[in-house]
Amino acid sequence: MSQLINQQHYFEFAGELDAETLTMLRDLFLQENGEYCDRIADLTKLGALKEIGAIMHSLKSSAATFGCSTLAERSADLEMRAKADDESILGEMDDFLQLARATFDAFANLPAAA
């Protein structure tokens, strides 16, 4: 879990919010990004690089906010390559989705505060 999530970053961020706001943001993060993963799987079958790039941009930003550093870095790489029409990323999506889902599982198991 520690390599998927920068816990220091997460707890610093969490410490700046009240419990209700943090809970709402955590729930939204998990819901939206779970939906993004489902959409990425569909878009991969279609070879829709532009749309994959747009989703990677959103994933990158939200993952970085919550300290999901590995996912943010991987999303940034795939975003850049998708926007450059690098079709080779389509073969990497299964591995990416496994990383994303493992990250979301680890994130969901973090306590709301230190």
PDB file of N, CA and C in Angstrom:
ATOM      1  N   MET A   1       0.821  -1.189   0.000  1.00  0.00           N
ATOM      2  CA  MET A   1       0.000   0.000   0.000  1.00  0.00           C
ATOM      3  C   MET A   1       0.864   1.251   0.000  1.00  0.00           C
ATOM      4  N   SER A   2       1.973   1.243   0.714  1.00  0.00           N
ATOM      5  CA  SER A   2       2.778   2.442   0.835  1.00  0.00           C
ATOM      6  C   SER A   2       3.345   2.900  -0.508  1.00  0.00           C
ATOM      7  N   GLN A   3       3.637   1.962  -1.419  1.00  0.00           N
ATOM      8  CA  GLN A   3       4.162   2.382  -2.705  1.00  0.00           C
ATOM      9  C   GLN A   3       3.051   2.914  -3.615  1.00  0.00           C
ATOM     10  N   LEU A   4       1.823   2.571  -3.367  1.00  0.00           N
ATOM     11  CA  LEU A   4       0.716   3.083  -4.162  1.00  0.00           C
ATOM     12  C   LEU A   4       0.261   4.460  -3.696  1.00  0.00           C
ATOM     13  N   ILE A   5       0.367   4.706  -2.404  1.00  0.00           N
ATOM     14  CA  ILE A   5      -0.136   5.955  -1.832  1.00  0.00           C
ATOM     15  C   ILE A   5       0.932   6.594  -0.951  1.00  0.00           C
ATOM     16  N   ASN A   6       1.182   7.863  -1.199  1.00  0.00           N
ATOM     17  CA  ASN A   6       2.066   8.640  -0.347  1.00  0.00           C
ATOM     18  C   ASN A   6       1.226   9.043   0.867  1.00  0.00           C
ATOM     19  N   GLN A   7       1.350   8.256   1.924  1.00  0.00           N
ATOM     20  CA  GLN A   7       0.494   8.466   3.083  1.00  0.00           C
ATOM     21  C   GLN A   7       0.754   9.793   3.779  1.00  0.00           C
ATOM     22  N   GLN A   8       1.989  10.248   3.772  1.00  0.00           N
ATOM     23  CA  GLN A   8       2.280  11.542   4.380  1.00  0.00           C
ATOM     24  C   GLN A   8       1.507  12.647   3.659  1.00  0.00           C
ATOM     25  N   HIS A   9       1.545  12.619   2.337  1.00  0.00           N
ATOM     26  CA  HIS A   9       0.804  13.605   1.547  1.00  0.00           C
ATOM     27  C   HIS A   9      -0.694  13.505   1.840  1.00  0.00           C
ATOM     28  N   TYR A  10      -1.212  12.282   1.841  1.00  0.00           N
ATOM     29  CA  TYR A  10      -2.636  12.082   2.096  1.00  0.00           C
ATOM     30  C   TYR A  10      -3.041  12.642   3.457  1.00  0.00           C
ATOM     31  N   PHE A  11      -2.288  12.309   4.500  1.00  0.00           N
ATOM     32  CA  PHE A  11      -2.681  12.748   5.833  1.00  0.00           C
ATOM     33  C   PHE A  11      -2.502  14.252   6.025  1.00  0.00           C
ATOM     34  N   GLU A  12      -1.541  14.854   5.350  1.00  0.00           N
ATOM     35  CA  GLU A  12      -1.422  16.313   5.374  1.00  0.00           C
ATOM     36  C   GLU A  12      -2.640  16.951   4.719  1.00  0.00           C
ATOM     37  N   PHE A  13      -3.032  16.420   3.566  1.00  0.00           N
ATOM     38  CA  PHE A  13      -4.221  16.917   2.880  1.00  0.00           C
ATOM     39  C   PHE A  13      -5.461  16.707   3.746  1.00  0.00           C
ATOM     40  N   ALA A  14      -5.606  15.516   4.294  1.00  0.00           N
ATOM     41  CA  ALA A  14      -6.775  15.183   5.110  1.00  0.00           C
ATOM     42  C   ALA A  14      -6.854  16.081   6.342  1.00  0.00           C
ATOM     43  N   GLY A  15      -5.697  16.426   6.892  1.00  0.00           N
ATOM     44  CA  GLY A  15      -5.661  17.259   8.088  1.00  0.00           C
ATOM     45  C   GLY A  15      -6.143  18.680   7.858  1.00  0.00           C
ATOM     46  N   GLU A  16      -6.213  19.097   6.607  1.00  0.00           N
ATOM     47  CA  GLU A  16      -6.667  20.445   6.273  1.00  0.00           C
ATOM     48  C   GLU A  16      -8.184  20.521   6.123  1.00  0.00           C
ATOM     49  N   LEU A  17      -8.867  19.389   6.205  1.00  0.00           N
ATOM     50  CA  LEU A  17     -10.307  19.344   5.955  1.00  0.00           C
ATOM     51  C   LEU A  17     -11.063  18.855   7.181  1.00  0.00           C
ATOM     52  N   ASP A  18     -12.317  19.272   7.288  1.00  0.00           N
ATOM     53  CA  ASP A  18     -13.150  18.704   8.338  1.00  0.00           C
ATOM     54  C   ASP A  18     -13.582  17.311   7.901  1.00  0.00           C
ATOM     55  N   ALA A  19     -14.008  16.506   8.846  1.00  0.00           N
ATOM     56  CA  ALA A  19     -14.316  15.090   8.587  1.00  0.00           C
ATOM     57  C   ALA A  19     -15.398  14.925   7.521  1.00  0.00           C
ATOM     58  N   GLU A  20     -16.418  15.756   7.546  1.00  0.00           N
ATOM     59  CA  GLU A  20     -17.514  15.634   6.582  1.00  0.00           C
ATOM     60  C   GLU A  20     -17.032  15.914   5.157  1.00  0.00           C
ATOM     61  N   THR A  21     -16.236  16.956   4.992  1.00  0.00           N
ATOM     62  CA  THR A  21     -15.717  17.299   3.673  1.00  0.00           C
ATOM     63  C   THR A  21     -14.782  16.213   3.162  1.00  0.00           C
ATOM     64  N   LEU A  22     -13.922  15.719   4.039  1.00  0.00           N
ATOM     65  CA  LEU A  22     -12.994  14.662   3.637  1.00  0.00           C
ATOM     66  C   LEU A  22     -13.754  13.410   3.200  1.00  0.00           C
ATOM     67  N   THR A  23     -14.750  13.023   3.944  1.00  0.00           N
ATOM     68  CA  THR A  23     -15.544  11.846   3.592  1.00  0.00           C
ATOM     69  C   THR A  23     -16.208  12.032   2.239  1.00  0.00           C
ATOM     70  N   MET A  24     -16.768  13.217   2.008  1.00  0.00           N
ATOM     71  CA  MET A  24     -17.424  13.494   0.730  1.00  0.00           C
ATOM     72  C   MET A  24     -16.417  13.421  -0.416  1.00  0.00           C
ATOM     73  N   LEU A  25     -15.237  14.017  -0.233  1.00  0.00           N
ATOM     74  CA  LEU A  25     -14.222  14.012  -1.283  1.00  0.00           C
ATOM     75  C   LEU A  25     -13.668  12.608  -1.536  1.00  0.00           C
ATOM     76  N   ARG A  26     -13.460  11.849  -0.484  1.00  0.00           N
ATOM     77  CA  ARG A  26     -12.986  10.463  -0.642  1.00  0.00           C
ATOM     78  C   ARG A  26     -13.999   9.634  -1.433  1.00  0.00           C
ATOM     79  N   ASP A  27     -15.273   9.757  -1.063  1.00  0.00           N
ATOM     80  CA  ASP A  27     -16.325   9.006  -1.753  1.00  0.00           C
ATOM     81  C   ASP A  27     -16.401   9.410  -3.228  1.00  0.00           C
ATOM     82  N   LEU A  28     -16.309  10.700  -3.487  1.00  0.00           N
ATOM     83  CA  LEU A  28     -16.354  11.197  -4.855  1.00  0.00           C
ATOM     84  C   LEU A  28     -15.154  10.711  -5.658  1.00  0.00           C
ATOM     85  N   PHE A  29     -13.974  10.739  -5.047  1.00  0.00           N
ATOM     86  CA  PHE A  29     -12.762  10.261  -5.695  1.00  0.00           C
ATOM     87  C   PHE A  29     -12.913   8.799  -6.123  1.00  0.00           C
ATOM     88  N   LEU A  30     -13.387   7.971  -5.214  1.00  0.00           N
ATOM     89  CA  LEU A  30     -13.540   6.543  -5.515  1.00  0.00           C
ATOM     90  C   LEU A  30     -14.620   6.294  -6.569  1.00  0.00           C
ATOM     91  N   GLN A  31     -15.725   7.002  -6.464  1.00  0.00           N
ATOM     92  CA  GLN A  31     -16.817   6.800  -7.415  1.00  0.00           C
ATOM     93  C   GLN A  31     -16.412   7.258  -8.815  1.00  0.00           C
ATOM     94  N   GLU A  32     -15.929   8.490  -8.930  1.00  0.00           N
ATOM     95  CA  GLU A  32     -15.577   9.024 -10.249  1.00  0.00           C
ATOM     96  C   GLU A  32     -14.483   8.210 -10.911  1.00  0.00           C
ATOM     97  N   ASN A  33     -13.469   7.868 -10.151  1.00  0.00           N
ATOM     98  CA  ASN A  33     -12.347   7.160 -10.750  1.00  0.00           C
ATOM     99  C   ASN A  33     -12.687   5.714 -11.078  1.00  0.00           C
ATOM    100  N   GLY A  34     -13.585   5.121 -10.329  1.00  0.00           N
ATOM    101  CA  GLY A  34     -14.083   3.802 -10.701  1.00  0.00           C
ATOM    102  C   GLY A  34     -14.820   3.864 -12.040  1.00  0.00           C
ATOM    103  N   GLU A  35     -15.596   4.916 -12.211  1.00  0.00           N
ATOM    104  CA  GLU A  35     -16.307   5.119 -13.481  1.00  0.00           C
ATOM    105  C   GLU A  35     -15.318   5.379 -14.619  1.00  0.00           C
ATOM    106  N   TYR A  36     -14.260   6.137 -14.326  1.00  0.00           N
ATOM    107  CA  TYR A  36     -13.235   6.382 -15.341  1.00  0.00           C
ATOM    108  C   TYR A  36     -12.614   5.065 -15.803  1.00  0.00           C
ATOM    109  N   CYS A  37     -12.353   4.168 -14.869  1.00  0.00           N
ATOM    110  CA  CYS A  37     -11.750   2.881 -15.227  1.00  0.00           C
ATOM    111  C   CYS A  37     -12.672   2.083 -16.140  1.00  0.00           C
ATOM    112  N   ASP A  38     -13.951   2.082 -15.825  1.00  0.00           N
ATOM    113  CA  ASP A  38     -14.904   1.392 -16.697  1.00  0.00           C
ATOM    114  C   ASP A  38     -14.905   2.016 -18.087  1.00  0.00           C
ATOM    115  N   ARG A  39     -14.848   3.326 -18.142  1.00  0.00           N
ATOM    116  CA  ARG A  39     -14.860   4.039 -19.426  1.00  0.00           C
ATOM    117  C   ARG A  39     -13.568   3.767 -20.207  1.00  0.00           C
ATOM    118  N   ILE A  40     -12.441   3.742 -19.509  1.00  0.00           N
ATOM    119  CA  ILE A  40     -11.168   3.454 -20.178  1.00  0.00           C
ATOM    120  C   ILE A  40     -11.205   2.079 -20.827  1.00  0.00           C
ATOM    121  N   ALA A  41     -11.762   1.104 -20.126  1.00  0.00           N
ATOM    122  CA  ALA A  41     -11.854  -0.247 -20.682  1.00  0.00           C
ATOM    123  C   ALA A  41     -12.662  -0.238 -21.981  1.00  0.00           C
ATOM    124  N   ASP A  42     -13.777   0.486 -21.983  1.00  0.00           N
ATOM    125  CA  ASP A  42     -14.602   0.582 -23.195  1.00  0.00           C
ATOM    126  C   ASP A  42     -13.870   1.325 -24.313  1.00  0.00           C
ATOM    127  N   LEU A  43     -13.232   2.436 -23.972  1.00  0.00           N
ATOM    128  CA  LEU A  43     -12.533   3.247 -24.978  1.00  0.00           C
ATOM    129  C   LEU A  43     -11.335   2.514 -25.574  1.00  0.00           C
ATOM    130  N   THR A  44     -10.712   1.669 -24.775  1.00  0.00           N
ATOM    131  CA  THR A  44      -9.568   0.898 -25.263  1.00  0.00           C
ATOM    132  C   THR A  44     -10.009  -0.025 -26.392  1.00  0.00           C
ATOM    133  N   LYS A  45     -11.152  -0.646 -26.226  1.00  0.00           N
ATOM    134  CA  LYS A  45     -11.678  -1.532 -27.273  1.00  0.00           C
ATOM    135  C   LYS A  45     -11.933  -0.777 -28.574  1.00  0.00           C
ATOM    136  N   LEU A  46     -12.259   0.517 -28.435  1.00  0.00           N
ATOM    137  CA  LEU A  46     -12.546   1.344 -29.605  1.00  0.00           C
ATOM    138  C   LEU A  46     -11.295   2.017 -30.166  1.00  0.00           C
ATOM    139  N   GLY A  47     -10.195   1.962 -29.414  1.00  0.00           N
ATOM    140  CA  GLY A  47      -8.972   2.637 -29.842  1.00  0.00           C
ATOM    141  C   GLY A  47      -9.095   4.149 -29.786  1.00  0.00           C
ATOM    142  N   ALA A  48      -9.893   4.658 -28.869  1.00  0.00           N
ATOM    143  CA  ALA A  48     -10.200   6.092 -28.778  1.00  0.00           C
ATOM    144  C   ALA A  48      -9.145   6.822 -27.954  1.00  0.00           C
ATOM    145  N   LEU A  49      -8.015   7.100 -28.575  1.00  0.00           N
ATOM    146  CA  LEU A  49      -6.875   7.692 -27.865  1.00  0.00           C
ATOM    147  C   LEU A  49      -7.173   9.077 -27.297  1.00  0.00           C
ATOM    148  N   LYS A  50      -7.837   9.916 -28.055  1.00  0.00           N
ATOM    149  CA  LYS A  50      -8.124  11.274 -27.589  1.00  0.00           C
ATOM    150  C   LYS A  50      -8.945  11.240 -26.297  1.00  0.00           C
ATOM    151  N   GLU A  51      -9.970  10.406 -26.276  1.00  0.00           N
ATOM    152  CA  GLU A  51     -10.819  10.295 -25.101  1.00  0.00           C
ATOM    153  C   GLU A  51     -10.073   9.667 -23.925  1.00  0.00           C
ATOM    154  N   ILE A  52      -9.239   8.688 -24.202  1.00  0.00           N
ATOM    155  CA  ILE A  52      -8.418   8.088 -23.148  1.00  0.00           C
ATOM    156  C   ILE A  52      -7.494   9.149 -22.559  1.00  0.00           C
ATOM    157  N   GLY A  53      -6.903   9.964 -23.403  1.00  0.00           N
ATOM    158  CA  GLY A  53      -6.031  11.041 -22.927  1.00  0.00           C
ATOM    159  C   GLY A  53      -6.753  12.015 -22.014  1.00  0.00           C
ATOM    160  N   ALA A  54      -7.982  12.353 -22.356  1.00  0.00           N
ATOM    161  CA  ALA A  54      -8.760  13.278 -21.525  1.00  0.00           C
ATOM    162  C   ALA A  54      -9.061  12.675 -20.156  1.00  0.00           C
ATOM    163  N   ILE A  55      -9.396  11.395 -20.129  1.00  0.00           N
ATOM    164  CA  ILE A  55      -9.661  10.738 -18.851  1.00  0.00           C
ATOM    165  C   ILE A  55      -8.378  10.627 -18.032  1.00  0.00           C
ATOM    166  N   MET A  56      -7.272  10.309 -18.681  1.00  0.00           N
ATOM    167  CA  MET A  56      -5.991  10.221 -17.974  1.00  0.00           C
ATOM    168  C   MET A  56      -5.639  11.564 -17.327  1.00  0.00           C
ATOM    169  N   HIS A  57      -5.968  12.646 -17.999  1.00  0.00           N
ATOM    170  CA  HIS A  57      -5.717  13.977 -17.441  1.00  0.00           C
ATOM    171  C   HIS A  57      -6.478  14.156 -16.123  1.00  0.00           C
ATOM    172  N   SER A  58      -7.740  13.785 -16.122  1.00  0.00           N
ATOM    173  CA  SER A  58      -8.552  13.898 -14.907  1.00  0.00           C
ATOM    174  C   SER A  58      -8.058  12.960 -13.813  1.00  0.00           C
ATOM    175  N   LEU A  59      -7.747  11.734 -14.185  1.00  0.00           N
ATOM    176  CA  LEU A  59      -7.227  10.763 -13.217  1.00  0.00           C
ATOM    177  C   LEU A  59      -5.924  11.236 -12.600  1.00  0.00           C
ATOM    178  N   LYS A  60      -5.046  11.766 -13.440  1.00  0.00           N
ATOM    179  CA  LYS A  60      -3.747  12.259 -12.979  1.00  0.00           C
ATOM    180  C   LYS A  60      -3.937  13.304 -11.890  1.00  0.00           C
ATOM    181  N   SER A  61      -4.804  14.245 -12.141  1.00  0.00           N
ATOM    182  CA  SER A  61      -5.011  15.348 -11.203  1.00  0.00           C
ATOM    183  C   SER A  61      -5.616  14.889  -9.884  1.00  0.00           C
ATOM    184  N   SER A  62      -6.656  14.085  -9.956  1.00  0.00           N
ATOM    185  CA  SER A  62      -7.296  13.655  -8.713  1.00  0.00           C
ATOM    186  C   SER A  62      -6.405  12.703  -7.925  1.00  0.00           C
ATOM    187  N   ALA A  63      -5.680  11.832  -8.619  1.00  0.00           N
ATOM    188  CA  ALA A  63      -4.770  10.919  -7.929  1.00  0.00           C
ATOM    189  C   ALA A  63      -3.670  11.693  -7.201  1.00  0.00           C
ATOM    190  N   ALA A  64      -3.127  12.705  -7.852  1.00  0.00           N
ATOM    191  CA  ALA A  64      -2.068  13.511  -7.228  1.00  0.00           C
ATOM    192  C   ALA A  64      -2.592  14.239  -5.993  1.00  0.00           C
ATOM    193  N   THR A  65      -3.809  14.736  -6.054  1.00  0.00           N
ATOM    194  CA  THR A  65      -4.398  15.455  -4.925  1.00  0.00           C
ATOM    195  C   THR A  65      -4.439  14.591  -3.675  1.00  0.00           C
ATOM    196  N   PHE A  66      -4.771  13.319  -3.843  1.00  0.00           N
ATOM    197  CA  PHE A  66      -4.914  12.426  -2.700  1.00  0.00           C
ATOM    198  C   PHE A  66      -3.655  11.624  -2.381  1.00  0.00           C
ATOM    199  N   GLY A  67      -2.555  11.911  -3.039  1.00  0.00           N
ATOM    200  CA  GLY A  67      -1.305  11.231  -2.722  1.00  0.00           C
ATOM    201  C   GLY A  67      -1.144   9.883  -3.387  1.00  0.00           C
ATOM    202  N   CYS A  68      -1.937   9.600  -4.398  1.00  0.00           N
ATOM    203  CA  CYS A  68      -1.814   8.334  -5.143  1.00  0.00           C
ATOM    204  C   CYS A  68      -0.763   8.553  -6.227  1.00  0.00           C
ATOM    205  N   SER A  69       0.480   8.671  -5.784  1.00  0.00           N
ATOM    206  CA  SER A  69       1.578   9.127  -6.632  1.00  0.00           C
ATOM    207  C   SER A  69       1.857   8.220  -7.820  1.00  0.00           C
ATOM    208  N   THR A  70       1.885   6.922  -7.602  1.00  0.00           N
ATOM    209  CA  THR A  70       2.190   5.989  -8.689  1.00  0.00           C
ATOM    210  C   THR A  70       1.126   6.085  -9.778  1.00  0.00           C
ATOM    211  N   LEU A  71      -0.128   6.135  -9.377  1.00  0.00           N
ATOM    212  CA  LEU A  71      -1.222   6.250 -10.340  1.00  0.00           C
ATOM    213  C   LEU A  71      -1.159   7.591 -11.068  1.00  0.00           C
ATOM    214  N   ALA A  72      -0.851   8.659 -10.360  1.00  0.00           N
ATOM    215  CA  ALA A  72      -0.754   9.984 -10.980  1.00  0.00           C
ATOM    216  C   ALA A  72       0.358  10.005 -12.029  1.00  0.00           C
ATOM    217  N   GLU A  73       1.520   9.431 -11.690  1.00  0.00           N
ATOM    218  CA  GLU A  73       2.648   9.411 -12.630  1.00  0.00           C
ATOM    219  C   GLU A  73       2.325   8.571 -13.859  1.00  0.00           C
ATOM    220  N   ARG A  74       1.724   7.422 -13.644  1.00  0.00           N
ATOM    221  CA  ARG A  74       1.379   6.545 -14.776  1.00  0.00           C
ATOM    222  C   ARG A  74       0.319   7.191 -15.658  1.00  0.00           C
ATOM    223  N   SER A  75      -0.650   7.838 -15.036  1.00  0.00           N
ATOM    224  CA  SER A  75      -1.696   8.538 -15.792  1.00  0.00           C
ATOM    225  C   SER A  75      -1.102   9.672 -16.624  1.00  0.00           C
ATOM    226  N   ALA A  76      -0.148  10.395 -16.053  1.00  0.00           N
ATOM    227  CA  ALA A  76       0.497  11.496 -16.779  1.00  0.00           C
ATOM    228  C   ALA A  76       1.226  10.973 -18.017  1.00  0.00           C
ATOM    229  N   ASP A  77       1.935   9.866 -17.851  1.00  0.00           N
ATOM    230  CA  ASP A  77       2.649   9.268 -18.979  1.00  0.00           C
ATOM    231  C   ASP A  77       1.677   8.836 -20.073  1.00  0.00           C
ATOM    232  N   LEU A  78       0.622   8.153 -19.684  1.00  0.00           N
ATOM    233  CA  LEU A  78      -0.345   7.664 -20.665  1.00  0.00           C
ATOM    234  C   LEU A  78      -1.118   8.813 -21.310  1.00  0.00           C
ATOM    235  N   GLU A  79      -1.396   9.853 -20.542  1.00  0.00           N
ATOM    236  CA  GLU A  79      -2.062  11.037 -21.111  1.00  0.00           C
ATOM    237  C   GLU A  79      -1.217  11.635 -22.232  1.00  0.00           C
ATOM    238  N   MET A  80       0.051  11.851 -21.950  1.00  0.00           N
ATOM    239  CA  MET A  80       0.953  12.451 -22.933  1.00  0.00           C
ATOM    240  C   MET A  80       1.038  11.580 -24.191  1.00  0.00           C
ATOM    241  N   ARG A  81       1.171  10.297 -23.989  1.00  0.00           N
ATOM    242  CA  ARG A  81       1.302   9.385 -25.130  1.00  0.00           C
ATOM    243  C   ARG A  81      -0.005   9.263 -25.915  1.00  0.00           C
ATOM    244  N   ALA A  82      -1.137   9.291 -25.227  1.00  0.00           N
ATOM    245  CA  ALA A  82      -2.435   9.235 -25.919  1.00  0.00           C
ATOM    246  C   ALA A  82      -2.626  10.481 -26.774  1.00  0.00           C
ATOM    247  N   LYS A  83      -2.243  11.619 -26.232  1.00  0.00           N
ATOM    248  CA  LYS A  83      -2.390  12.869 -26.974  1.00  0.00           C
ATOM    249  C   LYS A  83      -1.440  12.944 -28.170  1.00  0.00           C
ATOM    250  N   ALA A  84      -0.389  12.122 -28.130  1.00  0.00           N
ATOM    251  CA  ALA A  84       0.551  12.041 -29.258  1.00  0.00           C
ATOM    252  C   ALA A  84       0.158  10.910 -30.217  1.00  0.00           C
ATOM    253  N   ASP A  85      -1.030  10.362 -30.040  1.00  0.00           N
ATOM    254  CA  ASP A  85      -1.546   9.280 -30.889  1.00  0.00           C
ATOM    255  C   ASP A  85      -0.668   8.032 -30.873  1.00  0.00           C
ATOM    256  N   ASP A  86      -0.111   7.730 -29.712  1.00  0.00           N
ATOM    257  CA  ASP A  86       0.715   6.536 -29.540  1.00  0.00           C
ATOM    258  C   ASP A  86      -0.194   5.339 -29.256  1.00  0.00           C
ATOM    259  N   GLU A  87      -0.497   4.594 -30.289  1.00  0.00           N
ATOM    260  CA  GLU A  87      -1.420   3.464 -30.155  1.00  0.00           C
ATOM    261  C   GLU A  87      -0.880   2.334 -29.290  1.00  0.00           C
ATOM    262  N   SER A  88       0.394   2.336 -29.008  1.00  0.00           N
ATOM    263  CA  SER A  88       0.959   1.262 -28.180  1.00  0.00           C
ATOM    264  C   SER A  88       0.393   1.274 -26.764  1.00  0.00           C
ATOM    265  N   ILE A  89      -0.164   2.401 -26.333  1.00  0.00           N
ATOM    266  CA  ILE A  89      -0.729   2.441 -24.977  1.00  0.00           C
ATOM    267  C   ILE A  89      -1.934   1.525 -24.840  1.00  0.00           C
ATOM    268  N   LEU A  90      -2.593   1.237 -25.940  1.00  0.00           N
ATOM    269  CA  LEU A  90      -3.781   0.384 -25.872  1.00  0.00           C
ATOM    270  C   LEU A  90      -3.444  -0.992 -25.294  1.00  0.00           C
ATOM    271  N   GLY A  91      -2.242  -1.475 -25.565  1.00  0.00           N
ATOM    272  CA  GLY A  91      -1.793  -2.752 -25.025  1.00  0.00           C
ATOM    273  C   GLY A  91      -1.392  -2.688 -23.565  1.00  0.00           C
ATOM    274  N   GLU A  92      -1.323  -1.491 -23.009  1.00  0.00           N
ATOM    275  CA  GLU A  92      -0.926  -1.294 -21.614  1.00  0.00           C
ATOM    276  C   GLU A  92      -2.114  -1.046 -20.692  1.00  0.00           C
ATOM    277  N   MET A  93      -3.289  -0.975 -21.251  1.00  0.00           N
ATOM    278  CA  MET A  93      -4.452  -0.581 -20.448  1.00  0.00           C
ATOM    279  C   MET A  93      -4.844  -1.614 -19.400  1.00  0.00           C
ATOM    280  N   ASP A  94      -4.709  -2.906 -19.681  1.00  0.00           N
ATOM    281  CA  ASP A  94      -5.047  -3.905 -18.662  1.00  0.00           C
ATOM    282  C   ASP A  94      -4.171  -3.730 -17.423  1.00  0.00           C
ATOM    283  N   ASP A  95      -2.863  -3.549 -17.638  1.00  0.00           N
ATOM    284  CA  ASP A  95      -1.957  -3.334 -16.506  1.00  0.00           C
ATOM    285  C   ASP A  95      -2.296  -2.037 -15.779  1.00  0.00           C
ATOM    286  N   PHE A  96      -2.612  -0.999 -16.542  1.00  0.00           N
ATOM    287  CA  PHE A  96      -2.968   0.273 -15.922  1.00  0.00           C
ATOM    288  C   PHE A  96      -4.221   0.124 -15.071  1.00  0.00           C
ATOM    289  N   LEU A  97      -5.219  -0.551 -15.592  1.00  0.00           N
ATOM    290  CA  LEU A  97      -6.465  -0.714 -14.841  1.00  0.00           C
ATOM    291  C   LEU A  97      -6.258  -1.549 -13.579  1.00  0.00           C
ATOM    292  N   GLN A  98      -5.370  -2.519 -13.627  1.00  0.00           N
ATOM    293  CA  GLN A  98      -5.035  -3.282 -12.411  1.00  0.00           C
ATOM    294  C   GLN A  98      -4.387  -2.361 -11.375  1.00  0.00           C
ATOM    295  N   LEU A  99      -3.468  -1.509 -11.822  1.00  0.00           N
ATOM    296  CA  LEU A  99      -2.835  -0.539 -10.919  1.00  0.00           C
ATOM    297  C   LEU A  99      -3.883   0.391 -10.327  1.00  0.00           C
ATOM    298  N   ALA A 100      -4.762   0.903 -11.162  1.00  0.00           N
ATOM    299  CA  ALA A 100      -5.786   1.833 -10.690  1.00  0.00           C
ATOM    300  C   ALA A 100      -6.680   1.175  -9.646  1.00  0.00           C
ATOM    301  N   ARG A 101      -7.140  -0.006  -9.927  1.00  0.00           N
ATOM    302  CA  ARG A 101      -8.047  -0.674  -8.983  1.00  0.00           C
ATOM    303  C   ARG A 101      -7.342  -1.035  -7.675  1.00  0.00           C
ATOM    304  N   ALA A 102      -6.077  -1.444  -7.756  1.00  0.00           N
ATOM    305  CA  ALA A 102      -5.308  -1.723  -6.537  1.00  0.00           C
ATOM    306  C   ALA A 102      -5.121  -0.441  -5.723  1.00  0.00           C
ATOM    307  N   THR A 103      -4.891   0.660  -6.415  1.00  0.00           N
ATOM    308  CA  THR A 103      -4.738   1.945  -5.733  1.00  0.00           C
ATOM    309  C   THR A 103      -6.029   2.347  -5.045  1.00  0.00           C
ATOM    310  N   PHE A 104      -7.161   2.185  -5.729  1.00  0.00           N
ATOM    311  CA  PHE A 104      -8.436   2.561  -5.133  1.00  0.00           C
ATOM    312  C   PHE A 104      -8.765   1.678  -3.937  1.00  0.00           C
ATOM    313  N   ASP A 105      -8.426   0.393  -4.014  1.00  0.00           N
ATOM    314  CA  ASP A 105      -8.628  -0.504  -2.872  1.00  0.00           C
ATOM    315  C   ASP A 105      -7.800  -0.062  -1.676  1.00  0.00           C
ATOM    316  N   ALA A 106      -6.519   0.254  -1.928  1.00  0.00           N
ATOM    317  CA  ALA A 106      -5.631   0.710  -0.855  1.00  0.00           C
ATOM    318  C   ALA A 106      -6.133   2.024  -0.269  1.00  0.00           C
ATOM    319  N   PHE A 107      -6.573   2.918  -1.148  1.00  0.00           N
ATOM    320  CA  PHE A 107      -7.080   4.227  -0.709  1.00  0.00           C
ATOM    321  C   PHE A 107      -8.330   4.052   0.158  1.00  0.00           C
ATOM    322  N   ALA A 108      -9.231   3.187  -0.266  1.00  0.00           N
ATOM    323  CA  ALA A 108     -10.476   2.972   0.478  1.00  0.00           C
ATOM    324  C   ALA A 108     -10.206   2.438   1.876  1.00  0.00           C
ATOM    325  N   ASN A 109      -9.078   1.767   2.065  1.00  0.00           N
ATOM    326  CA  ASN A 109      -8.739   1.202   3.373  1.00  0.00           C
ATOM    327  C   ASN A 109      -7.955   2.148   4.270  1.00  0.00           C
ATOM    328  N   LEU A 110      -7.607   3.332   3.753  1.00  0.00           N
ATOM    329  CA  LEU A 110      -6.931   4.322   4.604  1.00  0.00           C
ATOM    330  C   LEU A 110      -7.917   4.892   5.607  1.00  0.00           C
ATOM    331  N   PRO A 111      -7.469   5.167   6.819  1.00  0.00           N
ATOM    332  CA  PRO A 111      -8.366   5.846   7.766  1.00  0.00           C
ATOM    333  C   PRO A 111      -8.602   7.281   7.315  1.00  0.00           C
ATOM    334  N   ALA A 112      -9.698   7.848   7.734  1.00  0.00           N
ATOM    335  CA  ALA A 112     -10.034   9.209   7.332  1.00  0.00           C
ATOM    336  C   ALA A 112      -9.069  10.236   7.924  1.00  0.00           C
ATOM    337  N   ALA A 113      -8.412   9.893   9.027  1.00  0.00           N
ATOM    338  CA  ALA A 113      -7.448  10.812   9.645  1.00  0.00           C
ATOM    339  C   ALA A 113      -6.358   9.993  10.302  1.00  0.00           C
ATOM    340  N   ALA A 114      -5.214  10.650  10.509  1.00  0.00           N
ATOM    341  CA  ALA A 114      -4.064   9.959  11.128  1.00  0.00           C
ATOM    342  C   ALA A 114      -4.308   9.620  12.573  1.00  0.00           C
TER     343      ALA A 114
END
